[in-house]
């Protein structure tokens, strides 16, 4: 026994699983002892899909002894009722619930106790995350209007088909919600529209909104990038961080699609992973969003500029036409592999007009492929007049 323990995690890899194949009773006793440690507030267990054994052992645990949990993280394949029972037993103390459900999960048992019919409240829950790769989650539970199970929720992450039949997960937490990540699906669009969940003033603390394409539902939910963006931007219009991936799948001109962001002056960080953009499209965003500091997007291209100007005309034209702008803009993250010579030109041109743009990040191993053409261009005749400013650009790699 280890006093003062507050976090317990048990992971079983393949080698240990082989060792314990004929010693199940020993493993169950080990789990019981871990869960029985005085003061334990966190439990993390993994099922057979990832680590091979825990899911099969959960029925052997006396769940009534597992009380006062603060954080529950679980990977669920078969023992759904057991997991939901653990959650209900600890509803009054849980602060963080993180569920990865590989075969879907019937969340009715999260909202209402199947034994006595009472609706549950999670007064301490600040973070709720549900990830499910399945096409749908089975029956979508609803609750009477007065039921408010998550009154103090700060972060909600539903990477799945929207799992409820109504707005129950959003009730009562409009003044506390700070982070929202939702998988795009027809059910989500229908529910938010029916209950008018979000208005221009409804969620004053909601600073980060992420609308992910749910792989099984995104195609066909909207027929245009404009409709997709109008929906995404209708959720907490005052949010400072926006994540709206892959607009390019609509095969539209990026400048036209990105113009939907104009007027949302509160945006500081904009992640558009998988979205193609031209240099003029990036300039339009920076001009229109005065607080914008960071963009993540596919590598900008010269686009129409390469058709209208010779390369040696570009630095003077761009600087004369657009500088100075984007006082807050400082970082561009490139999401894809690309033509690094063209990207180098775009980054240098952007640096000429944005005085504080000093940081370029590219996907992991491609950093060196950008740095060399950047150096050559800075020292060459095209940009040599601006070399002191351009040498301030920093480069780094990031993992997508």
Protein backbone atom coordinates (compact mmCIF):
# COMPACT_ATOMS: atom_id res chain seq x y z
CA UNK A 1 0.00 0.00 0.00
CA UNK A 2 1.23 3.44 -0.94
CA UNK A 3 -0.29 6.30 1.08
CA UNK A 4 -1.23 9.62 -0.53
CA UNK A 5 -1.51 8.07 -3.99
CA UNK A 6 -3.95 10.05 -6.12
CA UNK A 7 -3.33 8.67 -9.65
CA UNK A 8 -3.37 4.99 -10.54
CA UNK A 9 -2.83 3.69 -14.05
CA UNK A 10 -2.43 0.04 -15.02
CA UNK A 11 -1.30 -0.91 -18.51
CA UNK A 12 -0.59 -4.49 -19.57
CA UNK A 13 1.60 -5.03 -22.63
CA UNK A 14 1.81 -8.20 -24.73
CA UNK A 15 4.72 -9.72 -22.81
CA UNK A 16 3.04 -9.32 -19.43
CA UNK A 17 -0.22 -10.60 -20.86
CA UNK A 18 1.48 -13.85 -21.94
CA UNK A 19 3.00 -14.20 -18.48
CA UNK A 20 -0.40 -13.75 -16.82
CA UNK A 21 -2.46 -15.92 -19.17
CA UNK A 22 -2.83 -18.63 -16.51
CA UNK A 23 -2.75 -16.31 -13.53
CA UNK A 24 -5.96 -14.32 -13.95
CA UNK A 25 -6.76 -14.45 -10.24
CA UNK A 26 -3.42 -12.84 -9.44
CA UNK A 27 -4.06 -10.01 -11.90
CA UNK A 28 -7.54 -9.36 -10.51
CA UNK A 29 -6.13 -9.22 -6.99
CA UNK A 30 -3.49 -6.76 -8.16
CA UNK A 31 -6.17 -4.52 -9.64
CA UNK A 32 -8.22 -4.72 -6.45
CA UNK A 33 -5.24 -3.67 -4.37
CA UNK A 34 -4.45 -0.78 -6.65
CA UNK A 35 -8.03 0.45 -6.56
CA UNK A 36 -8.18 -0.01 -2.81
CA UNK A 37 -5.36 2.43 -2.05
CA UNK A 38 -6.57 5.06 0.39
CA UNK A 39 -7.05 8.42 -1.27
CA UNK A 40 -7.11 7.10 -4.84
CA UNK A 41 -8.84 9.63 -7.07
CA UNK A 42 -7.89 8.49 -10.56
CA UNK A 43 -8.36 5.24 -12.40
CA UNK A 44 -7.12 4.51 -15.92
CA UNK A 45 -7.77 1.10 -17.43
CA UNK A 46 -7.45 -0.29 -20.94
CA UNK A 47 -9.42 -3.07 -22.58
CA UNK A 48 -8.51 -5.97 -24.80
CA UNK A 49 -8.48 -3.90 -28.00
CA UNK A 50 -5.35 -2.05 -26.93
CA UNK A 51 -3.72 -3.94 -24.12
CA UNK A 52 -5.24 -7.36 -24.17
CA UNK A 53 -6.84 -8.21 -20.85
CA UNK A 54 -8.41 -5.60 -18.58
CA UNK A 55 -11.77 -5.48 -20.32
CA UNK A 56 -12.30 -9.17 -19.59
CA UNK A 57 -11.54 -8.69 -15.89
CA UNK A 58 -13.79 -5.77 -15.00
CA UNK A 59 -16.68 -7.96 -13.88
CA UNK A 60 -14.35 -9.48 -11.29
CA UNK A 61 -13.84 -6.13 -9.57
CA UNK A 62 -16.06 -5.04 -6.71
CA UNK A 63 -17.12 -1.73 -8.22
CA UNK A 64 -18.76 -0.58 -4.98
CA UNK A 65 -15.26 -0.16 -3.55
CA UNK A 66 -14.24 2.29 -6.28
CA UNK A 67 -15.49 5.60 -4.98
CA UNK A 68 -14.61 9.30 -5.08
CA UNK A 69 -12.90 9.15 -8.45
CA UNK A 70 -11.88 12.46 -9.95
CA UNK A 71 -10.69 11.27 -13.35
CA UNK A 72 -11.86 8.27 -15.36
CA UNK A 73 -10.19 7.33 -18.64
CA UNK A 74 -11.34 4.15 -20.34
CA UNK A 75 -11.06 2.32 -23.63
CA UNK A 76 -14.29 0.39 -24.01
CA UNK A 77 -14.97 -2.51 -26.32
CA UNK A 78 -17.36 -4.86 -24.56
CA UNK A 79 -17.85 -3.94 -20.90
CA UNK A 80 -20.04 -0.90 -21.53
CA UNK A 81 -22.44 -1.48 -18.63
CA UNK A 82 -19.50 -1.84 -16.24
CA UNK A 83 -17.98 1.45 -17.37
CA UNK A 84 -21.28 3.31 -17.12
CA UNK A 85 -21.84 1.82 -13.67
CA UNK A 86 -18.45 3.13 -12.52
CA UNK A 87 -19.32 6.57 -13.86
CA UNK A 88 -22.68 6.65 -12.11
CA UNK A 89 -21.15 5.55 -8.81
CA UNK A 90 -18.75 8.49 -8.99
CA UNK A 91 -21.02 11.08 -10.57
CA UNK A 92 -20.72 13.47 -7.60
CA UNK A 93 -16.90 13.63 -7.66
CA UNK A 94 -15.75 13.08 -11.26
CA UNK A 95 -14.03 16.09 -12.81
CA UNK A 96 -12.77 14.48 -16.02
CA UNK A 97 -14.36 11.71 -18.12
CA UNK A 98 -12.47 10.42 -21.18
CA UNK A 99 -14.13 7.54 -23.06
CA UNK A 100 -12.89 5.82 -26.22
CA UNK A 101 -15.73 3.55 -27.34
CA UNK A 102 -14.76 1.18 -30.13
CA UNK A 103 -18.17 -0.37 -30.68
CA UNK A 104 -20.30 2.64 -29.90
CA UNK A 105 -21.76 3.39 -26.49
CA UNK A 106 -25.34 3.76 -25.34
CA UNK A 107 -25.13 6.91 -23.24
CA UNK A 108 -28.61 6.52 -21.75
CA UNK A 109 -26.92 5.08 -18.66
CA UNK A 110 -24.84 8.23 -18.35
CA UNK A 111 -27.91 10.47 -18.13
CA UNK A 112 -30.35 8.26 -16.23
CA UNK A 113 -29.83 5.45 -13.71
CA UNK A 114 -31.44 2.32 -15.20
CA UNK A 115 -32.11 0.88 -11.74
CA UNK A 116 -34.15 3.64 -10.11
CA UNK A 117 -34.92 5.87 -13.11
CA UNK A 118 -33.40 8.96 -11.51
CA UNK A 119 -31.58 11.46 -13.70
CA UNK A 120 -27.94 12.06 -12.83
CA UNK A 121 -26.02 15.25 -12.17
CA UNK A 122 -22.24 15.67 -12.38
CA UNK A 123 -21.63 18.81 -10.29
CA UNK A 124 -17.82 18.63 -10.44
CA UNK A 125 -17.38 17.55 -14.07
CA UNK A 126 -15.24 20.04 -15.97
CA UNK A 127 -14.14 17.96 -18.97
CA UNK A 128 -16.07 15.37 -20.97
CA UNK A 129 -14.52 13.62 -23.97
CA UNK A 130 -16.08 10.88 -26.08
CA UNK A 131 -14.32 9.36 -29.06
CA UNK A 132 -15.98 6.72 -31.24
CA UNK A 133 -14.94 5.76 -34.77
CA UNK A 134 -18.21 3.97 -35.48
CA UNK A 135 -20.74 5.13 -38.02
CA UNK A 136 -23.33 5.86 -35.35
CA UNK A 137 -23.67 5.57 -31.63
CA UNK A 138 -26.67 3.46 -30.64
CA UNK A 139 -29.87 4.96 -29.44
CA UNK A 140 -29.45 8.65 -28.78
CA UNK A 141 -30.83 9.40 -25.30
CA UNK A 142 -32.88 12.47 -24.52
CA UNK A 143 -33.95 13.98 -21.22
CA UNK A 144 -36.79 16.24 -20.02
CA UNK A 145 -36.12 19.94 -20.38
CA UNK A 146 -35.36 20.51 -16.70
CA UNK A 147 -32.62 17.85 -16.56
CA UNK A 148 -29.16 19.47 -16.44
CA UNK A 149 -26.51 16.76 -15.99
CA UNK A 150 -23.38 18.84 -16.71
CA UNK A 151 -23.93 22.28 -15.16
CA UNK A 152 -20.27 23.31 -14.82
CA UNK A 153 -18.71 21.81 -17.93
CA UNK A 154 -15.68 23.73 -19.24
CA UNK A 155 -14.44 21.47 -22.04
CA UNK A 156 -16.56 19.26 -24.29
CA UNK A 157 -15.01 17.03 -26.96
CA UNK A 158 -17.33 14.77 -29.00
CA UNK A 159 -15.30 13.13 -31.75
CA UNK A 160 -18.16 11.03 -33.03
CA UNK A 161 -21.63 11.23 -34.44
CA UNK A 162 -23.54 13.53 -32.08
CA UNK A 163 -24.54 11.02 -29.37
CA UNK A 164 -27.66 12.63 -27.85
CA UNK A 165 -31.22 13.05 -29.07
CA UNK A 166 -31.48 16.63 -27.84
CA UNK A 167 -29.38 19.45 -26.34
CA UNK A 168 -28.95 17.79 -22.93
CA UNK A 169 -25.14 18.00 -22.96
CA UNK A 170 -25.26 21.79 -23.50
CA UNK A 171 -27.82 22.64 -20.84
CA UNK A 172 -26.87 24.88 -17.96
CA UNK A 173 -23.20 25.33 -18.90
CA UNK A 174 -23.36 28.28 -21.30
CA UNK A 175 -21.60 30.49 -18.75
CA UNK A 176 -18.78 27.98 -18.02
CA UNK A 177 -17.96 26.32 -21.36
CA UNK A 178 -14.50 27.36 -22.60
CA UNK A 179 -13.48 24.68 -25.13
CA UNK A 180 -15.70 22.90 -27.66
CA UNK A 181 -14.74 20.24 -30.22
CA UNK A 182 -17.52 18.60 -32.21
CA UNK A 183 -17.60 16.02 -34.97
CA UNK A 184 -19.62 17.28 -37.92
CA UNK A 185 -22.70 15.12 -38.52
CA UNK A 186 -26.30 15.60 -39.68
CA UNK A 187 -27.57 15.01 -36.13
CA UNK A 188 -25.34 17.76 -34.73
CA UNK A 189 -26.57 20.26 -37.30
CA UNK A 190 -30.20 19.31 -36.66
CA UNK A 191 -29.98 19.52 -32.85
CA UNK A 192 -28.14 22.83 -32.69
CA UNK A 193 -30.60 24.34 -35.14
CA UNK A 194 -33.68 22.97 -33.39
CA UNK A 195 -32.68 24.17 -29.93
CA UNK A 196 -30.92 27.37 -31.04
CA UNK A 197 -28.09 26.38 -28.72
CA UNK A 198 -25.64 29.10 -29.73
CA UNK A 199 -26.31 32.81 -30.12
CA UNK A 200 -23.99 35.78 -30.35
CA UNK A 201 -24.10 36.27 -26.56
CA UNK A 202 -24.89 32.81 -25.17
CA UNK A 203 -21.40 31.49 -24.33
CA UNK A 204 -19.20 34.37 -23.12
CA UNK A 205 -16.23 32.19 -22.05
CA UNK A 206 -16.14 29.91 -25.10
CA UNK A 207 -12.77 30.80 -26.61
CA UNK A 208 -11.87 27.74 -28.72
CA UNK A 209 -14.24 26.08 -31.19
CA UNK A 210 -13.20 23.07 -33.27
CA UNK A 211 -15.52 21.55 -35.88
CA UNK A 212 -13.97 18.28 -37.07
CA UNK A 213 -15.06 16.39 -40.11
CA UNK A 214 -16.44 13.10 -38.85
CA UNK A 215 -15.17 10.64 -41.42
CA UNK A 216 -18.50 8.87 -41.88
CA UNK A 217 -20.78 11.89 -42.04
CA UNK A 218 -18.95 14.93 -43.37
CA UNK A 219 -19.55 14.27 -47.03
CA UNK A 220 -22.97 15.58 -47.93
CA UNK A 221 -23.73 17.40 -44.68
CA UNK A 222 -23.17 20.69 -46.52
CA UNK A 223 -23.12 21.29 -50.26
CA UNK A 224 -20.62 24.15 -50.21
CA UNK A 225 -17.71 25.57 -48.24
CA UNK A 226 -19.82 28.65 -47.56
CA UNK A 227 -22.57 26.64 -45.87
CA UNK A 228 -19.99 24.69 -43.86
CA UNK A 229 -18.32 27.89 -42.66
CA UNK A 230 -21.59 29.65 -41.86
CA UNK A 231 -22.47 26.75 -39.58
CA UNK A 232 -19.03 26.60 -37.94
CA UNK A 233 -18.89 30.34 -37.36
CA UNK A 234 -22.40 30.46 -35.93
CA UNK A 235 -21.08 28.57 -32.89
CA UNK A 236 -19.74 31.20 -30.47
CA UNK A 237 -19.08 34.00 -33.00
CA UNK A 238 -16.72 35.69 -30.52
CA UNK A 239 -14.33 32.72 -30.15
CA UNK A 240 -10.63 33.57 -30.45
CA UNK A 241 -9.45 30.14 -31.69
CA UNK A 242 -11.08 28.49 -34.70
CA UNK A 243 -10.36 25.02 -36.10
CA UNK A 244 -12.20 24.30 -39.36
CA UNK A 245 -10.34 21.66 -41.40
CA UNK A 246 -10.20 20.78 -45.08
CA UNK A 247 -12.23 23.40 -46.89
CA UNK A 248 -10.47 22.39 -50.12
CA UNK A 249 -12.55 19.25 -50.45
CA UNK A 250 -15.31 21.51 -51.82
CA UNK A 251 -13.04 22.38 -54.80
CA UNK A 252 -13.66 26.09 -54.52
CA UNK A 253 -11.45 29.14 -54.85
CA UNK A 254 -9.80 29.56 -51.48
CA UNK A 255 -10.17 33.35 -51.45
CA UNK A 256 -13.93 33.04 -51.87
CA UNK A 257 -14.24 30.45 -49.09
CA UNK A 258 -11.93 32.24 -46.69
CA UNK A 259 -13.80 35.51 -47.11
CA UNK A 260 -16.46 34.04 -44.79
CA UNK A 261 -14.05 34.66 -41.91
CA UNK A 262 -13.93 38.38 -42.63
CA UNK A 263 -15.68 40.34 -39.94
CA UNK A 264 -14.98 37.85 -37.13
CA UNK A 265 -12.52 40.26 -35.58
CA UNK A 266 -12.01 38.25 -32.38
CA UNK A 267 -10.15 35.40 -34.16
CA UNK A 268 -6.54 35.12 -32.99
CA UNK A 269 -5.66 31.57 -34.06
CA UNK A 270 -7.02 29.93 -37.22
CA UNK A 271 -6.37 26.26 -38.02
CA UNK A 272 -7.44 25.24 -41.52
CA UNK A 273 -5.57 21.94 -41.90
CA UNK A 274 -5.90 20.53 -45.42
CA UNK A 275 -7.10 23.82 -46.90
CA UNK A 276 -5.31 25.21 -49.97
CA UNK A 277 -4.54 28.91 -49.96
CA UNK A 278 -2.80 31.46 -52.14
CA UNK A 279 -0.55 34.19 -50.84
CA UNK A 280 -3.25 36.75 -51.62
CA UNK A 281 -5.74 34.59 -49.70
CA UNK A 282 -3.46 34.64 -46.67
CA UNK A 283 -3.00 38.39 -47.02
CA UNK A 284 -6.78 38.84 -47.15
CA UNK A 285 -7.21 36.92 -43.90
CA UNK A 286 -4.49 38.86 -42.12
CA UNK A 287 -5.88 42.19 -43.32
CA UNK A 288 -9.41 41.33 -42.24
CA UNK A 289 -8.64 39.82 -38.84
CA UNK A 290 -6.75 42.45 -36.84
CA UNK A 291 -5.99 40.15 -33.88
CA UNK A 292 -4.83 37.17 -35.96
CA UNK A 293 -1.47 35.84 -34.76
CA UNK A 294 -1.29 32.23 -36.00
CA UNK A 295 -2.47 30.35 -39.09
CA UNK A 296 -2.21 26.63 -39.84
CA UNK A 297 -2.96 25.86 -43.48
CA UNK A 298 -1.65 24.10 -46.57
CA UNK A 299 1.46 25.77 -48.00
CA UNK A 300 0.57 29.12 -49.59
CA UNK A 301 1.22 29.42 -53.33
CA UNK A 302 1.89 32.47 -55.49
CA UNK A 303 -1.27 31.73 -57.42
CA UNK A 304 -2.48 34.69 -59.49
CA UNK A 305 0.58 36.75 -58.57
CA UNK A 306 2.79 34.47 -60.66
CA UNK A 307 0.52 35.10 -63.65
CA UNK A 308 0.50 38.89 -63.28
CA UNK A 309 4.11 39.66 -62.31
CA UNK A 310 7.61 38.51 -63.04
CA UNK A 311 9.41 37.10 -60.01
CA UNK A 312 11.81 40.02 -59.73
CA UNK A 313 8.83 42.43 -59.59
CA UNK A 314 7.12 40.73 -56.66
CA UNK A 315 9.05 42.10 -53.64
CA UNK A 316 8.56 45.75 -54.56
CA UNK A 317 4.95 45.25 -55.67
CA UNK A 318 3.89 43.37 -52.52
CA UNK A 319 5.70 45.75 -50.19
CA UNK A 320 4.33 48.87 -51.90
CA UNK A 321 0.77 47.54 -52.11
CA UNK A 322 0.27 45.91 -48.73
CA UNK A 323 2.90 46.98 -46.17
CA UNK A 324 2.54 47.44 -43.30
CA UNK A 325 -0.24 45.13 -42.14
CA UNK A 326 -0.88 42.37 -39.62
CA UNK A 327 0.78 43.91 -36.58
CA UNK A 328 -0.27 40.89 -34.47
CA UNK A 329 0.56 38.20 -37.04
CA UNK A 330 3.63 36.17 -36.07
CA UNK A 331 3.38 32.48 -37.05
CA UNK A 332 2.41 30.36 -40.06
CA UNK A 333 2.29 26.56 -39.77
CA UNK A 334 2.39 24.59 -43.02
CA UNK A 335 0.31 21.42 -42.98
CA UNK A 336 1.45 19.61 -46.14
CA UNK A 337 4.44 18.63 -48.24
CA UNK A 338 4.79 21.14 -51.11
CA UNK A 339 7.02 23.04 -53.54
CA UNK A 340 9.45 24.45 -50.99
CA UNK A 341 11.03 26.90 -53.42
CA UNK A 342 7.65 28.53 -54.03
CA UNK A 343 6.84 28.37 -50.31
CA UNK A 344 10.13 30.13 -49.53
CA UNK A 345 9.18 32.98 -51.86
CA UNK A 346 5.73 33.29 -50.27
CA UNK A 347 7.14 33.34 -46.72
CA UNK A 348 9.68 36.04 -47.60
CA UNK A 349 7.06 38.18 -49.30
CA UNK A 350 4.78 37.83 -46.27
CA UNK A 351 7.63 38.85 -43.99
CA UNK A 352 8.12 42.03 -46.01
CA UNK A 353 4.63 43.26 -45.20
CA UNK A 354 3.99 41.78 -41.71
CA UNK A 355 6.54 43.37 -39.36
CA UNK A 356 6.22 40.77 -36.59
CA UNK A 357 5.95 37.63 -38.72
CA UNK A 358 9.02 35.77 -37.48
CA UNK A 359 8.12 32.09 -37.24
CA UNK A 360 7.49 29.39 -39.87
CA UNK A 361 6.71 25.80 -38.86
CA UNK A 362 6.60 22.91 -41.34
CA UNK A 363 5.72 19.26 -40.86
CA UNK A 364 8.52 17.44 -39.02
CA UNK A 365 11.21 16.26 -41.42
CA UNK A 366 10.55 18.87 -44.11
CA UNK A 367 12.15 21.73 -42.18
CA UNK A 368 15.53 21.39 -43.93
CA UNK A 369 13.84 21.38 -47.33
CA UNK A 370 12.51 24.89 -46.67
CA UNK A 371 15.53 26.39 -44.96
CA UNK A 372 17.94 25.98 -47.87
CA UNK A 373 15.86 27.80 -50.52
CA UNK A 374 15.06 30.50 -47.95
CA UNK A 375 18.76 31.13 -47.36
CA UNK A 376 19.53 31.19 -51.07
CA UNK A 377 16.76 33.70 -51.78
CA UNK A 378 17.67 35.99 -48.88
CA UNK A 379 21.27 36.18 -50.06
CA UNK A 380 20.35 36.38 -53.76
CA UNK A 381 19.51 39.48 -55.81
CA UNK A 382 15.74 39.19 -55.41
CA UNK A 383 15.60 39.84 -51.64
CA UNK A 384 19.09 41.09 -50.78
CA UNK A 385 17.83 44.64 -50.11
CA UNK A 386 15.66 43.27 -47.31
CA UNK A 387 18.11 40.72 -45.92
CA UNK A 388 18.37 42.14 -42.36
CA UNK A 389 14.60 41.89 -41.85
CA UNK A 390 14.28 38.47 -43.49
CA UNK A 391 17.05 36.87 -41.48
CA UNK A 392 14.80 37.23 -38.43
CA UNK A 393 12.58 34.43 -39.71
CA UNK A 394 12.84 31.33 -37.53
CA UNK A 395 12.07 27.80 -38.65
CA UNK A 396 10.92 24.73 -36.80
CA UNK A 397 9.32 21.37 -37.44
CA UNK A 398 6.09 20.07 -35.94
CA UNK A 399 4.42 16.69 -35.94
CA UNK A 400 1.05 16.49 -37.65
